[in-house]
Amino acid sequence: LAEATGAPPTADEAAALALVCKHVRDVKLVSTRSLADELAAPNLGEAATALFETDDAREKAQAPVVWYAALRAADRFFVKRGAWPGADGADLAADAAAVADELRAFVTEADCADAFDGVLSEAHAKEIARFGAAELHAIAAVVGGVASQEAVKVLAKQYTPIDHTYLFNGIAATAAIIDV
């Protein structure tokens, strides 16, 4: 501004410039995809490949990206049937089979069936149907705490907020941030 007007910078402008120069190492660009983009075309292949670098079958089965895919299969079930799998408790086996079909279809459409090969099992679909869209208070508390922490980061303009999708697996007590 001073260069454009020919006047020396004001004290406020000089202080702002000093602040920027002091913290320039901490400047980060956070650009996330919109939720609509994620739902329309998930970038699941890269996330799955990065999380499946372990050889431990148990770790692979409990990877947060596996449960992300299972929850997306439950969403597809809901869209087609108007109810969550297992919500009515009538026929859990039929709901689990339908969720398993949706899960296979989801990873195939996301073009990452190879990454999930041998990892997805009927147990994932059965667990999705068994819990019947319940929201456990302990898991809700953890996820709510993380969400509030991220909101404070954004509002206070301090620190870098989580970039992309946060997944918490209460079964294995693991969490991951993936770009889907």
C-alpha atoms as a PDB file:
ATOM      1  CA  LEU A   1       0.000   0.000   0.000  1.00  0.00           C
ATOM      2  CA  ALA A   2       2.800   2.380   0.880  1.00  0.00           C
ATOM      3  CA  GLU A   3       4.412   1.823  -2.504  1.00  0.00           C
ATOM      4  CA  ALA A   4       1.157   2.546  -4.340  1.00  0.00           C
ATOM      5  CA  THR A   5       0.446   5.747  -2.429  1.00  0.00           C
ATOM      6  CA  GLY A   6       4.028   6.880  -1.923  1.00  0.00           C
ATOM      7  CA  ALA A   7       3.461   7.217   1.822  1.00  0.00           C
ATOM      8  CA  PRO A   8       5.403   5.244   4.422  1.00  0.00           C
ATOM      9  CA  PRO A   9       3.521   2.296   5.996  1.00  0.00           C
ATOM     10  CA  THR A  10       1.439   3.025   9.045  1.00  0.00           C
ATOM     11  CA  ALA A  11       2.277   1.472  12.392  1.00  0.00           C
ATOM     12  CA  ASP A  12      -0.561  -1.061  11.953  1.00  0.00           C
ATOM     13  CA  GLU A  13       0.669  -2.058   8.470  1.00  0.00           C
ATOM     14  CA  ALA A  14       4.236  -2.420   9.722  1.00  0.00           C
ATOM     15  CA  ALA A  15       3.049  -4.559  12.653  1.00  0.00           C
ATOM     16  CA  ALA A  16       0.998  -6.779  10.319  1.00  0.00           C
ATOM     17  CA  LEU A  17       3.990  -7.196   7.999  1.00  0.00           C
ATOM     18  CA  ALA A  18       6.252  -8.086  10.927  1.00  0.00           C
ATOM     19  CA  LEU A  19       3.707 -10.667  12.123  1.00  0.00           C
ATOM     20  CA  VAL A  20       3.514 -12.275   8.665  1.00  0.00           C
ATOM     21  CA  CYS A  21       7.295 -12.387   8.346  1.00  0.00           C
ATOM     22  CA  LYS A  22       7.635 -13.892  11.822  1.00  0.00           C
ATOM     23  CA  HIS A  23       5.190 -16.738  11.075  1.00  0.00           C
ATOM     24  CA  VAL A  24       5.807 -17.347   7.368  1.00  0.00           C
ATOM     25  CA  ARG A  25       7.249 -20.831   8.099  1.00  0.00           C
ATOM     26  CA  ASP A  26       3.911 -21.866   9.589  1.00  0.00           C
ATOM     27  CA  VAL A  27       1.793 -20.873   6.593  1.00  0.00           C
ATOM     28  CA  LYS A  28       0.010 -23.900   5.132  1.00  0.00           C
ATOM     29  CA  LEU A  29      -2.542 -24.245   2.393  1.00  0.00           C
ATOM     30  CA  VAL A  30      -5.425 -26.549   3.302  1.00  0.00           C
ATOM     31  CA  SER A  31      -7.639 -27.400   0.371  1.00  0.00           C
ATOM     32  CA  THR A  32     -10.115 -30.190   0.797  1.00  0.00           C
ATOM     33  CA  ARG A  33     -12.594 -31.708  -1.573  1.00  0.00           C
ATOM     34  CA  SER A  34     -16.225 -30.949  -1.003  1.00  0.00           C
ATOM     35  CA  LEU A  35     -18.469 -33.603   0.521  1.00  0.00           C
ATOM     36  CA  ALA A  36     -20.381 -33.739  -2.769  1.00  0.00           C
ATOM     37  CA  ASP A  37     -17.134 -34.533  -4.632  1.00  0.00           C
ATOM     38  CA  GLU A  38     -16.249 -37.247  -2.124  1.00  0.00           C
ATOM     39  CA  LEU A  39     -19.674 -38.842  -2.398  1.00  0.00           C
ATOM     40  CA  ALA A  40     -19.721 -38.648  -6.197  1.00  0.00           C
ATOM     41  CA  ALA A  41     -16.226 -39.952  -6.852  1.00  0.00           C
ATOM     42  CA  PRO A  42     -14.305 -41.194  -3.811  1.00  0.00           C
ATOM     43  CA  ASN A  43     -10.541 -41.374  -4.142  1.00  0.00           C
ATOM     44  CA  LEU A  44     -10.504 -44.653  -2.273  1.00  0.00           C
ATOM     45  CA  GLY A  45      -7.731 -46.438  -4.170  1.00  0.00           C
ATOM     46  CA  GLU A  46      -4.885 -44.242  -2.939  1.00  0.00           C
ATOM     47  CA  ALA A  47      -6.172 -44.260   0.635  1.00  0.00           C
ATOM     48  CA  ALA A  48      -6.552 -48.038   0.631  1.00  0.00           C
ATOM     49  CA  THR A  49      -3.137 -48.657  -0.874  1.00  0.00           C
ATOM     50  CA  ALA A  50      -1.418 -46.439   1.699  1.00  0.00           C
ATOM     51  CA  LEU A  51      -3.214 -48.041   4.640  1.00  0.00           C
ATOM     52  CA  PHE A  52      -2.667 -51.624   3.497  1.00  0.00           C
ATOM     53  CA  GLU A  53       1.112 -51.503   3.478  1.00  0.00           C
ATOM     54  CA  THR A  54       1.190 -53.830   6.476  1.00  0.00           C
ATOM     55  CA  ASP A  55       1.300 -57.603   6.095  1.00  0.00           C
ATOM     56  CA  ASP A  56      -0.693 -58.214   9.283  1.00  0.00           C
ATOM     57  CA  ALA A  57      -4.135 -59.514   8.224  1.00  0.00           C
ATOM     58  CA  ARG A  58      -5.713 -58.415  11.507  1.00  0.00           C
ATOM     59  CA  GLU A  59      -4.490 -54.833  11.070  1.00  0.00           C
ATOM     60  CA  LYS A  60      -5.749 -54.797   7.494  1.00  0.00           C
ATOM     61  CA  ALA A  61      -9.209 -56.015   8.535  1.00  0.00           C
ATOM     62  CA  GLN A  62      -9.489 -53.237  11.131  1.00  0.00           C
ATOM     63  CA  ALA A  63      -8.031 -50.434   9.007  1.00  0.00           C
ATOM     64  CA  PRO A  64     -10.263 -47.365   9.198  1.00  0.00           C
ATOM     65  CA  VAL A  65     -10.573 -47.243   5.403  1.00  0.00           C
ATOM     66  CA  VAL A  66     -12.252 -50.667   5.483  1.00  0.00           C
ATOM     67  CA  TRP A  67     -14.896 -49.352   7.869  1.00  0.00           C
ATOM     68  CA  TYR A  68     -15.251 -46.233   5.724  1.00  0.00           C
ATOM     69  CA  ALA A  69     -16.115 -48.476   2.788  1.00  0.00           C
ATOM     70  CA  ALA A  70     -18.504 -50.499   4.977  1.00  0.00           C
ATOM     71  CA  LEU A  71     -20.300 -47.358   6.118  1.00  0.00           C
ATOM     72  CA  ARG A  72     -20.576 -46.158   2.528  1.00  0.00           C
ATOM     73  CA  ALA A  73     -22.150 -49.558   1.721  1.00  0.00           C
ATOM     74  CA  ALA A  74     -24.645 -48.947   4.534  1.00  0.00           C
ATOM     75  CA  ASP A  75     -25.436 -45.562   2.974  1.00  0.00           C
ATOM     76  CA  ARG A  76     -26.110 -47.257  -0.350  1.00  0.00           C
ATOM     77  CA  PHE A  77     -28.348 -49.785   1.430  1.00  0.00           C
ATOM     78  CA  PHE A  78     -30.299 -46.916   3.004  1.00  0.00           C
ATOM     79  CA  VAL A  79     -30.757 -45.111  -0.306  1.00  0.00           C
ATOM     80  CA  LYS A  80     -32.124 -48.251  -1.964  1.00  0.00           C
ATOM     81  CA  ARG A  81     -34.324 -49.506   0.891  1.00  0.00           C
ATOM     82  CA  GLY A  82     -35.221 -46.430   2.925  1.00  0.00           C
ATOM     83  CA  ALA A  83     -33.986 -47.993   6.183  1.00  0.00           C
ATOM     84  CA  TRP A  84     -30.612 -48.703   7.748  1.00  0.00           C
ATOM     85  CA  PRO A  85     -29.359 -52.291   7.736  1.00  0.00           C
ATOM     86  CA  GLY A  86     -30.381 -54.104  10.894  1.00  0.00           C
ATOM     87  CA  ALA A  87     -32.476 -51.186  12.148  1.00  0.00           C
ATOM     88  CA  ASP A  88     -35.674 -53.213  12.369  1.00  0.00           C
ATOM     89  CA  GLY A  89     -33.892 -56.353  13.635  1.00  0.00           C
ATOM     90  CA  ALA A  90     -36.143 -58.585  11.527  1.00  0.00           C
ATOM     91  CA  ASP A  91     -33.692 -60.358   9.269  1.00  0.00           C
ATOM     92  CA  LEU A  92     -30.080 -59.495  10.070  1.00  0.00           C
ATOM     93  CA  ALA A  93     -28.702 -62.205   7.781  1.00  0.00           C
ATOM     94  CA  ALA A  94     -30.551 -60.817   4.739  1.00  0.00           C
ATOM     95  CA  ASP A  95     -29.494 -57.254   5.579  1.00  0.00           C
ATOM     96  CA  ALA A  96     -25.879 -58.379   6.052  1.00  0.00           C
ATOM     97  CA  ALA A  97     -25.926 -60.141   2.675  1.00  0.00           C
ATOM     98  CA  ALA A  98     -27.316 -57.005   1.020  1.00  0.00           C
ATOM     99  CA  VAL A  99     -24.657 -54.846   2.710  1.00  0.00           C
ATOM    100  CA  ALA A 100     -21.953 -57.282   1.537  1.00  0.00           C
ATOM    101  CA  ASP A 101     -23.246 -56.917  -2.028  1.00  0.00           C
ATOM    102  CA  GLU A 102     -23.238 -53.118  -1.698  1.00  0.00           C
ATOM    103  CA  LEU A 103     -19.727 -53.224  -0.240  1.00  0.00           C
ATOM    104  CA  ARG A 104     -18.380 -55.237  -3.157  1.00  0.00           C
ATOM    105  CA  ALA A 105     -20.177 -52.946  -5.612  1.00  0.00           C
ATOM    106  CA  PHE A 106     -18.826 -49.816  -3.887  1.00  0.00           C
ATOM    107  CA  VAL A 107     -15.160 -50.860  -3.986  1.00  0.00           C
ATOM    108  CA  THR A 108     -15.567 -52.065  -7.580  1.00  0.00           C
ATOM    109  CA  GLU A 109     -17.111 -48.756  -8.670  1.00  0.00           C
ATOM    110  CA  ALA A 110     -14.364 -46.875  -6.826  1.00  0.00           C
ATOM    111  CA  ASP A 111     -11.897 -48.890  -8.933  1.00  0.00           C
ATOM    112  CA  CYS A 112     -10.042 -50.284  -5.938  1.00  0.00           C
ATOM    113  CA  ALA A 113     -11.309 -53.849  -5.658  1.00  0.00           C
ATOM    114  CA  ASP A 114      -7.708 -55.099  -5.943  1.00  0.00           C
ATOM    115  CA  ALA A 115      -6.623 -53.101  -2.879  1.00  0.00           C
ATOM    116  CA  PHE A 116      -9.481 -54.580  -0.834  1.00  0.00           C
ATOM    117  CA  ASP A 117      -9.062 -58.116  -2.177  1.00  0.00           C
ATOM    118  CA  GLY A 118      -8.753 -60.540   0.729  1.00  0.00           C
ATOM    119  CA  VAL A 119      -9.429 -57.802   3.284  1.00  0.00           C
ATOM    120  CA  LEU A 120     -13.191 -57.359   3.099  1.00  0.00           C
ATOM    121  CA  SER A 121     -15.162 -60.193   4.607  1.00  0.00           C
ATOM    122  CA  GLU A 122     -18.718 -61.079   5.453  1.00  0.00           C
ATOM    123  CA  ALA A 123     -17.840 -60.135   9.046  1.00  0.00           C
ATOM    124  CA  HIS A 124     -17.696 -56.454   8.081  1.00  0.00           C
ATOM    125  CA  ALA A 125     -21.176 -56.578   6.550  1.00  0.00           C
ATOM    126  CA  LYS A 126     -22.528 -58.571   9.526  1.00  0.00           C
ATOM    127  CA  GLU A 127     -21.158 -55.995  11.968  1.00  0.00           C
ATOM    128  CA  ILE A 128     -22.741 -53.134  10.011  1.00  0.00           C
ATOM    129  CA  ALA A 129     -26.107 -54.944  10.067  1.00  0.00           C
ATOM    130  CA  ARG A 130     -25.733 -55.978  13.725  1.00  0.00           C
ATOM    131  CA  PHE A 131     -25.272 -52.494  15.101  1.00  0.00           C
ATOM    132  CA  GLY A 132     -28.416 -51.296  13.294  1.00  0.00           C
ATOM    133  CA  ALA A 133     -27.336 -47.657  12.846  1.00  0.00           C
ATOM    134  CA  ALA A 134     -26.904 -47.212  16.602  1.00  0.00           C
ATOM    135  CA  GLU A 135     -24.673 -44.392  17.784  1.00  0.00           C
ATOM    136  CA  LEU A 136     -22.577 -45.440  20.739  1.00  0.00           C
ATOM    137  CA  HIS A 137     -22.106 -42.636  23.233  1.00  0.00           C
ATOM    138  CA  ALA A 138     -18.400 -43.347  23.793  1.00  0.00           C
ATOM    139  CA  ILE A 139     -17.616 -43.182  20.080  1.00  0.00           C
ATOM    140  CA  ALA A 140     -19.801 -40.098  19.661  1.00  0.00           C
ATOM    141  CA  ALA A 141     -17.865 -38.432  22.482  1.00  0.00           C
ATOM    142  CA  VAL A 142     -14.489 -39.137  20.850  1.00  0.00           C
ATOM    143  CA  VAL A 143     -15.586 -37.974  17.403  1.00  0.00           C
ATOM    144  CA  GLY A 144     -17.347 -34.936  18.902  1.00  0.00           C
ATOM    145  CA  GLY A 145     -14.182 -34.026  20.778  1.00  0.00           C
ATOM    146  CA  VAL A 146     -12.103 -34.227  17.620  1.00  0.00           C
ATOM    147  CA  ALA A 147     -14.679 -32.166  15.705  1.00  0.00           C
ATOM    148  CA  SER A 148     -14.748 -29.470  18.387  1.00  0.00           C
ATOM    149  CA  GLN A 149     -10.959 -29.343  18.481  1.00  0.00           C
ATOM    150  CA  GLU A 150     -10.899 -28.808  14.727  1.00  0.00           C
ATOM    151  CA  ALA A 151     -13.575 -26.096  14.977  1.00  0.00           C
ATOM    152  CA  VAL A 152     -11.474 -24.263  17.565  1.00  0.00           C
ATOM    153  CA  LYS A 153      -8.445 -24.460  15.239  1.00  0.00           C
ATOM    154  CA  VAL A 154     -10.442 -22.868  12.431  1.00  0.00           C
ATOM    155  CA  LEU A 155     -12.105 -20.201  14.583  1.00  0.00           C
ATOM    156  CA  ALA A 156      -8.908 -19.276  16.443  1.00  0.00           C
ATOM    157  CA  LYS A 157      -6.902 -19.364  13.200  1.00  0.00           C
ATOM    158  CA  GLN A 158      -4.201 -21.295  15.034  1.00  0.00           C
ATOM    159  CA  TYR A 159      -2.622 -24.576  14.050  1.00  0.00           C
ATOM    160  CA  THR A 160      -3.542 -26.569  10.979  1.00  0.00           C
ATOM    161  CA  PRO A 161      -6.932 -28.273  10.871  1.00  0.00           C
ATOM    162  CA  ILE A 162      -7.363 -31.846   9.683  1.00  0.00           C
ATOM    163  CA  ASP A 163      -7.184 -31.956   5.922  1.00  0.00           C
ATOM    164  CA  HIS A 164      -9.686 -34.433   4.420  1.00  0.00           C
ATOM    165  CA  THR A 165     -11.615 -37.267   6.090  1.00  0.00           C
ATOM    166  CA  TYR A 166     -11.068 -38.340   9.709  1.00  0.00           C
ATOM    167  CA  LEU A 167     -11.930 -41.963  10.479  1.00  0.00           C
ATOM    168  CA  PHE A 168     -12.087 -43.412  13.977  1.00  0.00           C
ATOM    169  CA  ASN A 169     -12.316 -47.162  14.550  1.00  0.00           C
ATOM    170  CA  GLY A 170     -13.594 -47.790  18.065  1.00  0.00           C
ATOM    171  CA  ILE A 171     -13.137 -51.549  17.712  1.00  0.00           C
ATOM    172  CA  ALA A 172      -9.379 -51.336  17.288  1.00  0.00           C
ATOM    173  CA  ALA A 173      -8.972 -47.854  18.866  1.00  0.00           C
ATOM    174  CA  THR A 174      -7.284 -46.512  15.759  1.00  0.00           C
ATOM    175  CA  ALA A 175      -7.778 -43.381  13.715  1.00  0.00           C
ATOM    176  CA  ALA A 176      -6.671 -42.196  10.323  1.00  0.00           C
ATOM    177  CA  ILE A 177      -6.968 -39.191   8.077  1.00  0.00           C
ATOM    178  CA  ILE A 178      -7.488 -40.146   4.462  1.00  0.00           C
ATOM    179  CA  ASP A 179      -7.974 -38.195   1.283  1.00  0.00           C
ATOM    180  CA  VAL A 180     -11.032 -39.799  -0.332  1.00  0.00           C
END
